[in-house]
Amino acid sequence: MNFVLLPIMLLLIFAGCSPKVTVSPMDRAYLNDYLMRTDRDTLAIKMFDHAYYSREGSRGGRAVGGGGCGCN
């Protein structure tokens, strides 16, 4: 009984883990919209960065490592 049930359970588990995710061409227009971009408002990004770096005690660009304590 377990020899039949185990392959069926594994098949059902791994069938839900397929990496293929498709977006219909009709929905791509909504995903490519200007409002969906995270960098659309430069002032908001600068304000967020200012608040973040003020809280963390660090300065620098987004890709710069290290913090305000001097350690890298």
PDB file of N, CA and C in Angstrom:
ATOM      1  N   MET A   1       0.824  -1.195   0.000  1.00  0.00           N
ATOM      2  CA  MET A   1       0.000   0.000   0.000  1.00  0.00           C
ATOM      3  C   MET A   1       0.869   1.260   0.000  1.00  0.00           C
ATOM      4  N   ASN A   2       1.910   1.286   0.823  1.00  0.00           N
ATOM      5  CA  ASN A   2       2.776   2.454   0.901  1.00  0.00           C
ATOM      6  C   ASN A   2       3.601   2.623  -0.361  1.00  0.00           C
ATOM      7  N   PHE A   3       3.886   1.519  -1.060  1.00  0.00           N
ATOM      8  CA  PHE A   3       4.664   1.604  -2.295  1.00  0.00           C
ATOM      9  C   PHE A   3       3.876   2.289  -3.400  1.00  0.00           C
ATOM     10  N   VAL A   4       2.572   2.250  -3.344  1.00  0.00           N
ATOM     11  CA  VAL A   4       1.720   2.909  -4.329  1.00  0.00           C
ATOM     12  C   VAL A   4       1.445   4.352  -3.902  1.00  0.00           C
ATOM     13  N   LEU A   5       1.287   4.547  -2.634  1.00  0.00           N
ATOM     14  CA  LEU A   5       0.924   5.874  -2.119  1.00  0.00           C
ATOM     15  C   LEU A   5       2.100   6.853  -2.176  1.00  0.00           C
ATOM     16  N   LEU A   6       3.299   6.389  -1.924  1.00  0.00           N
ATOM     17  CA  LEU A   6       4.464   7.262  -1.899  1.00  0.00           C
ATOM     18  C   LEU A   6       4.750   7.936  -3.251  1.00  0.00           C
ATOM     19  N   PRO A   7       4.783   7.195  -4.369  1.00  0.00           N
ATOM     20  CA  PRO A   7       5.007   7.888  -5.647  1.00  0.00           C
ATOM     21  C   PRO A   7       3.893   8.864  -6.017  1.00  0.00           C
ATOM     22  N   ILE A   8       2.675   8.526  -5.653  1.00  0.00           N
ATOM     23  CA  ILE A   8       1.562   9.434  -5.953  1.00  0.00           C
ATOM     24  C   ILE A   8       1.697  10.724  -5.136  1.00  0.00           C
ATOM     25  N   MET A   9       2.067  10.593  -3.867  1.00  0.00           N
ATOM     26  CA  MET A   9       2.248  11.780  -3.033  1.00  0.00           C
ATOM     27  C   MET A   9       3.403  12.640  -3.529  1.00  0.00           C
ATOM     28  N   LEU A  10       4.509  12.002  -3.909  1.00  0.00           N
ATOM     29  CA  LEU A  10       5.645  12.759  -4.429  1.00  0.00           C
ATOM     30  C   LEU A  10       5.293  13.463  -5.728  1.00  0.00           C
ATOM     31  N   LEU A  11       4.543  12.811  -6.574  1.00  0.00           N
ATOM     32  CA  LEU A  11       4.123  13.432  -7.831  1.00  0.00           C
ATOM     33  C   LEU A  11       3.248  14.653  -7.566  1.00  0.00           C
ATOM     34  N   LEU A  12       2.332  14.541  -6.636  1.00  0.00           N
ATOM     35  CA  LEU A  12       1.461  15.676  -6.318  1.00  0.00           C
ATOM     36  C   LEU A  12       2.240  16.827  -5.677  1.00  0.00           C
ATOM     37  N   ILE A  13       3.205  16.505  -4.849  1.00  0.00           N
ATOM     38  CA  ILE A  13       3.989  17.550  -4.195  1.00  0.00           C
ATOM     39  C   ILE A  13       4.845  18.296  -5.216  1.00  0.00           C
ATOM     40  N   PHE A  14       5.555  17.548  -6.067  1.00  0.00           N
ATOM     41  CA  PHE A  14       6.466  18.180  -7.016  1.00  0.00           C
ATOM     42  C   PHE A  14       5.758  18.774  -8.220  1.00  0.00           C
ATOM     43  N   ALA A  15       4.525  18.404  -8.465  1.00  0.00           N
ATOM     44  CA  ALA A  15       3.779  19.010  -9.572  1.00  0.00           C
ATOM     45  C   ALA A  15       3.432  20.466  -9.250  1.00  0.00           C
ATOM     46  N   GLY A  16       3.273  20.782  -7.989  1.00  0.00           N
ATOM     47  CA  GLY A  16       2.969  22.151  -7.591  1.00  0.00           C
ATOM     48  C   GLY A  16       4.193  23.036  -7.513  1.00  0.00           C
ATOM     49  N   CYS A  17       5.371  22.464  -7.659  1.00  0.00           N
ATOM     50  CA  CYS A  17       6.621  23.227  -7.550  1.00  0.00           C
ATOM     51  C   CYS A  17       7.226  23.528  -8.908  1.00  0.00           C
ATOM     52  N   SER A  18       6.438  23.588  -9.931  1.00  0.00           N
ATOM     53  CA  SER A  18       6.997  23.844 -11.256  1.00  0.00           C
ATOM     54  C   SER A  18       7.401  25.314 -11.359  1.00  0.00           C
ATOM     55  N   PRO A  19       8.575  25.617 -11.921  1.00  0.00           N
ATOM     56  CA  PRO A  19       9.059  26.997 -11.965  1.00  0.00           C
ATOM     57  C   PRO A  19       8.467  27.818 -13.103  1.00  0.00           C
ATOM     58  N   LYS A  20       7.653  27.227 -13.935  1.00  0.00           N
ATOM     59  CA  LYS A  20       7.123  27.957 -15.084  1.00  0.00           C
ATOM     60  C   LYS A  20       5.986  28.877 -14.637  1.00  0.00           C
ATOM     61  N   VAL A  21       6.234  30.160 -14.756  1.00  0.00           N
ATOM     62  CA  VAL A  21       5.222  31.163 -14.439  1.00  0.00           C
ATOM     63  C   VAL A  21       5.056  32.021 -15.680  1.00  0.00           C
ATOM     64  N   THR A  22       3.874  32.037 -16.205  1.00  0.00           N
ATOM     65  CA  THR A  22       3.632  32.810 -17.419  1.00  0.00           C
ATOM     66  C   THR A  22       2.699  33.970 -17.115  1.00  0.00           C
ATOM     67  N   VAL A  23       2.931  35.032 -17.801  1.00  0.00           N
ATOM     68  CA  VAL A  23       2.083  36.215 -17.701  1.00  0.00           C
ATOM     69  C   VAL A  23       1.463  36.425 -19.064  1.00  0.00           C
ATOM     70  N   SER A  24       0.172  36.571 -19.083  1.00  0.00           N
ATOM     71  CA  SER A  24      -0.498  36.753 -20.370  1.00  0.00           C
ATOM     72  C   SER A  24      -0.105  38.101 -20.970  1.00  0.00           C
ATOM     73  N   PRO A  25      -0.088  38.197 -22.295  1.00  0.00           N
ATOM     74  CA  PRO A  25       0.276  39.470 -22.928  1.00  0.00           C
ATOM     75  C   PRO A  25      -0.632  40.629 -22.514  1.00  0.00           C
ATOM     76  N   MET A  26      -1.850  40.312 -22.162  1.00  0.00           N
ATOM     77  CA  MET A  26      -2.770  41.364 -21.741  1.00  0.00           C
ATOM     78  C   MET A  26      -2.355  41.948 -20.384  1.00  0.00           C
ATOM     79  N   ASP A  27      -1.826  41.099 -19.499  1.00  0.00           N
ATOM     80  CA  ASP A  27      -1.401  41.556 -18.177  1.00  0.00           C
ATOM     81  C   ASP A  27      -0.039  42.215 -18.195  1.00  0.00           C
ATOM     82  N   ARG A  28       0.740  41.979 -19.217  1.00  0.00           N
ATOM     83  CA  ARG A  28       2.072  42.598 -19.293  1.00  0.00           C
ATOM     84  C   ARG A  28       1.981  44.109 -19.412  1.00  0.00           C
ATOM     85  N   ALA A  29       0.923  44.605 -20.001  1.00  0.00           N
ATOM     86  CA  ALA A  29       0.741  46.051 -20.104  1.00  0.00           C
ATOM     87  C   ALA A  29       0.575  46.673 -18.719  1.00  0.00           C
ATOM     88  N   TYR A  30      -0.109  45.963 -17.819  1.00  0.00           N
ATOM     89  CA  TYR A  30      -0.292  46.483 -16.464  1.00  0.00           C
ATOM     90  C   TYR A  30       0.999  46.378 -15.658  1.00  0.00           C
ATOM     91  N   LEU A  31       1.770  45.309 -15.865  1.00  0.00           N
ATOM     92  CA  LEU A  31       3.013  45.152 -15.131  1.00  0.00           C
ATOM     93  C   LEU A  31       4.086  46.110 -15.620  1.00  0.00           C
ATOM     94  N   ASN A  32       3.989  46.543 -16.850  1.00  0.00           N
ATOM     95  CA  ASN A  32       4.971  47.448 -17.432  1.00  0.00           C
ATOM     96  C   ASN A  32       4.550  48.908 -17.275  1.00  0.00           C
ATOM     97  N   ASP A  33       3.511  49.147 -16.523  1.00  0.00           N
ATOM     98  CA  ASP A  33       2.998  50.496 -16.346  1.00  0.00           C
ATOM     99  C   ASP A  33       3.981  51.347 -15.539  1.00  0.00           C
ATOM    100  N   TYR A  34       3.941  52.636 -15.749  1.00  0.00           N
ATOM    101  CA  TYR A  34       4.819  53.584 -15.060  1.00  0.00           C
ATOM    102  C   TYR A  34       4.578  53.554 -13.551  1.00  0.00           C
ATOM    103  N   LEU A  35       3.349  53.346 -13.138  1.00  0.00           N
ATOM    104  CA  LEU A  35       3.033  53.349 -11.713  1.00  0.00           C
ATOM    105  C   LEU A  35       3.570  52.126 -10.991  1.00  0.00           C
ATOM    106  N   MET A  36       3.924  51.074 -11.713  1.00  0.00           N
ATOM    107  CA  MET A  36       4.456  49.867 -11.098  1.00  0.00           C
ATOM    108  C   MET A  36       5.966  49.963 -10.838  1.00  0.00           C
ATOM    109  N   ARG A  37       6.609  50.997 -11.346  1.00  0.00           N
ATOM    110  CA  ARG A  37       8.051  51.144 -11.161  1.00  0.00           C
ATOM    111  C   ARG A  37       8.346  51.621  -9.750  1.00  0.00           C
ATOM    112  N   THR A  38       9.416  51.103  -9.159  1.00  0.00           N
ATOM    113  CA  THR A  38       9.772  51.514  -7.801  1.00  0.00           C
ATOM    114  C   THR A  38      10.575  52.808  -7.795  1.00  0.00           C
ATOM    115  N   ASP A  39      11.185  53.170  -8.917  1.00  0.00           N
ATOM    116  CA  ASP A  39      12.019  54.367  -8.954  1.00  0.00           C
ATOM    117  C   ASP A  39      11.359  55.510  -9.718  1.00  0.00           C
ATOM    118  N   ARG A  40      10.051  55.579  -9.683  1.00  0.00           N
ATOM    119  CA  ARG A  40       9.366  56.597 -10.477  1.00  0.00           C
ATOM    120  C   ARG A  40       9.388  57.972  -9.818  1.00  0.00           C
ATOM    121  N   ASP A  41       9.556  58.022  -8.507  1.00  0.00           N
ATOM    122  CA  ASP A  41       9.523  59.292  -7.789  1.00  0.00           C
ATOM    123  C   ASP A  41      10.880  59.512  -7.113  1.00  0.00           C
ATOM    124  N   THR A  42      11.720  60.337  -7.721  1.00  0.00           N
ATOM    125  CA  THR A  42      13.074  60.523  -7.200  1.00  0.00           C
ATOM    126  C   THR A  42      13.077  61.235  -5.852  1.00  0.00           C
ATOM    127  N   LEU A  43      12.140  62.148  -5.639  1.00  0.00           N
ATOM    128  CA  LEU A  43      12.077  62.846  -4.358  1.00  0.00           C
ATOM    129  C   LEU A  43      11.731  61.879  -3.227  1.00  0.00           C
ATOM    130  N   ALA A  44      10.800  60.968  -3.469  1.00  0.00           N
ATOM    131  CA  ALA A  44      10.433  59.996  -2.444  1.00  0.00           C
ATOM    132  C   ALA A  44      11.603  59.069  -2.133  1.00  0.00           C
ATOM    133  N   ILE A  45      12.379  58.707  -3.137  1.00  0.00           N
ATOM    134  CA  ILE A  45      13.543  57.848  -2.920  1.00  0.00           C
ATOM    135  C   ILE A  45      14.582  58.574  -2.080  1.00  0.00           C
ATOM    136  N   LYS A  46      14.806  59.848  -2.380  1.00  0.00           N
ATOM    137  CA  LYS A  46      15.776  60.630  -1.602  1.00  0.00           C
ATOM    138  C   LYS A  46      15.314  60.808  -0.155  1.00  0.00           C
ATOM    139  N   MET A  47      14.019  61.015   0.038  1.00  0.00           N
ATOM    140  CA  MET A  47      13.503  61.169   1.397  1.00  0.00           C
ATOM    141  C   MET A  47      13.603  59.860   2.175  1.00  0.00           C
ATOM    142  N   PHE A  48      13.316  58.742   1.509  1.00  0.00           N
ATOM    143  CA  PHE A  48      13.430  57.448   2.160  1.00  0.00           C
ATOM    144  C   PHE A  48      14.883  57.156   2.522  1.00  0.00           C
ATOM    145  N   ASP A  49      15.799  57.437   1.610  1.00  0.00           N
ATOM    146  CA  ASP A  49      17.223  57.221   1.883  1.00  0.00           C
ATOM    147  C   ASP A  49      17.702  58.090   3.034  1.00  0.00           C
ATOM    148  N   HIS A  50      17.237  59.330   3.079  1.00  0.00           N
ATOM    149  CA  HIS A  50      17.636  60.230   4.164  1.00  0.00           C
ATOM    150  C   HIS A  50      17.157  59.681   5.509  1.00  0.00           C
ATOM    151  N   ALA A  51      15.909  59.245   5.561  1.00  0.00           N
ATOM    152  CA  ALA A  51      15.378  58.706   6.812  1.00  0.00           C
ATOM    153  C   ALA A  51      16.080  57.412   7.191  1.00  0.00           C
ATOM    154  N   TYR A  52      16.365  56.565   6.202  1.00  0.00           N
ATOM    155  CA  TYR A  52      17.031  55.286   6.480  1.00  0.00           C
ATOM    156  C   TYR A  52      18.437  55.506   7.005  1.00  0.00           C
ATOM    157  N   TYR A  53      19.195  56.356   6.327  1.00  0.00           N
ATOM    158  CA  TYR A  53      20.574  56.572   6.744  1.00  0.00           C
ATOM    159  C   TYR A  53      20.656  57.366   8.041  1.00  0.00           C
ATOM    160  N   SER A  54      19.653  58.175   8.340  1.00  0.00           N
ATOM    161  CA  SER A  54      19.639  58.870   9.623  1.00  0.00           C
ATOM    162  C   SER A  54      19.384  57.898  10.769  1.00  0.00           C
ATOM    163  N   ARG A  55      18.509  56.940  10.546  1.00  0.00           N
ATOM    164  CA  ARG A  55      18.236  55.940  11.579  1.00  0.00           C
ATOM    165  C   ARG A  55      19.413  54.993  11.771  1.00  0.00           C
ATOM    166  N   GLU A  56      20.019  54.582  10.686  1.00  0.00           N
ATOM    167  CA  GLU A  56      21.094  53.601  10.771  1.00  0.00           C
ATOM    168  C   GLU A  56      22.431  54.224  11.164  1.00  0.00           C
ATOM    169  N   GLY A  57      22.571  55.515  11.055  1.00  0.00           N
ATOM    170  CA  GLY A  57      23.821  56.165  11.398  1.00  0.00           C
ATOM    171  C   GLY A  57      24.895  55.953  10.353  1.00  0.00           C
ATOM    172  N   SER A  58      24.499  55.756   9.129  1.00  0.00           N
ATOM    173  CA  SER A  58      25.469  55.505   8.060  1.00  0.00           C
ATOM    174  C   SER A  58      25.178  56.433   6.894  1.00  0.00           C
ATOM    175  N   ARG A  59      26.185  56.651   6.088  1.00  0.00           N
ATOM    176  CA  ARG A  59      26.038  57.479   4.894  1.00  0.00           C
ATOM    177  C   ARG A  59      26.604  56.712   3.718  1.00  0.00           C
ATOM    178  N   GLY A  60      26.158  57.041   2.547  1.00  0.00           N
ATOM    179  CA  GLY A  60      26.711  56.425   1.360  1.00  0.00           C
ATOM    180  C   GLY A  60      25.627  56.070   0.364  1.00  0.00           C
ATOM    181  N   GLY A  61      26.062  55.559  -0.743  1.00  0.00           N
ATOM    182  CA  GLY A  61      25.123  55.179  -1.783  1.00  0.00           C
ATOM    183  C   GLY A  61      24.452  53.871  -1.465  1.00  0.00           C
ATOM    184  N   ARG A  62      23.607  53.457  -2.370  1.00  0.00           N
ATOM    185  CA  ARG A  62      22.870  52.219  -2.135  1.00  0.00           C
ATOM    186  C   ARG A  62      23.753  50.989  -2.239  1.00  0.00           C
ATOM    187  N   ALA A  63      24.746  51.016  -3.089  1.00  0.00           N
ATOM    188  CA  ALA A  63      25.595  49.842  -3.309  1.00  0.00           C
ATOM    189  C   ALA A  63      26.877  49.889  -2.498  1.00  0.00           C
ATOM    190  N   VAL A  64      27.027  50.869  -1.625  1.00  0.00           N
ATOM    191  CA  VAL A  64      28.250  51.010  -0.853  1.00  0.00           C
ATOM    192  C   VAL A  64      28.107  50.210   0.433  1.00  0.00           C
ATOM    193  N   GLY A  65      29.088  49.370   0.710  1.00  0.00           N
ATOM    194  CA  GLY A  65      29.058  48.593   1.940  1.00  0.00           C
ATOM    195  C   GLY A  65      29.598  49.380   3.108  1.00  0.00           C
ATOM    196  N   GLY A  66      29.370  48.887   4.279  1.00  0.00           N
ATOM    197  CA  GLY A  66      29.887  49.560   5.461  1.00  0.00           C
ATOM    198  C   GLY A  66      28.816  50.367   6.152  1.00  0.00           C
ATOM    199  N   GLY A  67      29.130  50.825   7.325  1.00  0.00           N
ATOM    200  CA  GLY A  67      28.156  51.569   8.080  1.00  0.00           C
ATOM    201  C   GLY A  67      28.778  52.754   8.778  1.00  0.00           C
ATOM    202  N   GLY A  68      28.059  53.368   9.689  1.00  0.00           N
ATOM    203  CA  GLY A  68      28.534  54.533  10.390  1.00  0.00           C
ATOM    204  C   GLY A  68      29.563  54.213  11.461  1.00  0.00           C
ATOM    205  N   CYS A  69      29.705  52.927  11.798  1.00  0.00           N
ATOM    206  CA  CYS A  69      30.645  52.567  12.845  1.00  0.00           C
ATOM    207  C   CYS A  69      32.067  52.463  12.335  1.00  0.00           C
ATOM    208  N   GLY A  70      32.272  52.469  11.029  1.00  0.00           N
ATOM    209  CA  GLY A  70      33.604  52.379  10.453  1.00  0.00           C
ATOM    210  C   GLY A  70      33.999  50.981  10.059  1.00  0.00           C
ATOM    211  N   CYS A  71      33.145  50.005  10.291  1.00  0.00           N
ATOM    212  CA  CYS A  71      33.476  48.628   9.912  1.00  0.00           C
ATOM    213  C   CYS A  71      32.895  48.343   8.524  1.00  0.00           C
ATOM    214  N   ASN A  72      33.543  47.487   7.794  1.00  0.00           N
ATOM    215  CA  ASN A  72      33.070  47.144   6.452  1.00  0.00           C
ATOM    216  C   ASN A  72      32.539  45.742   6.418  1.00  0.00           C
TER     217      ASN A  72
END
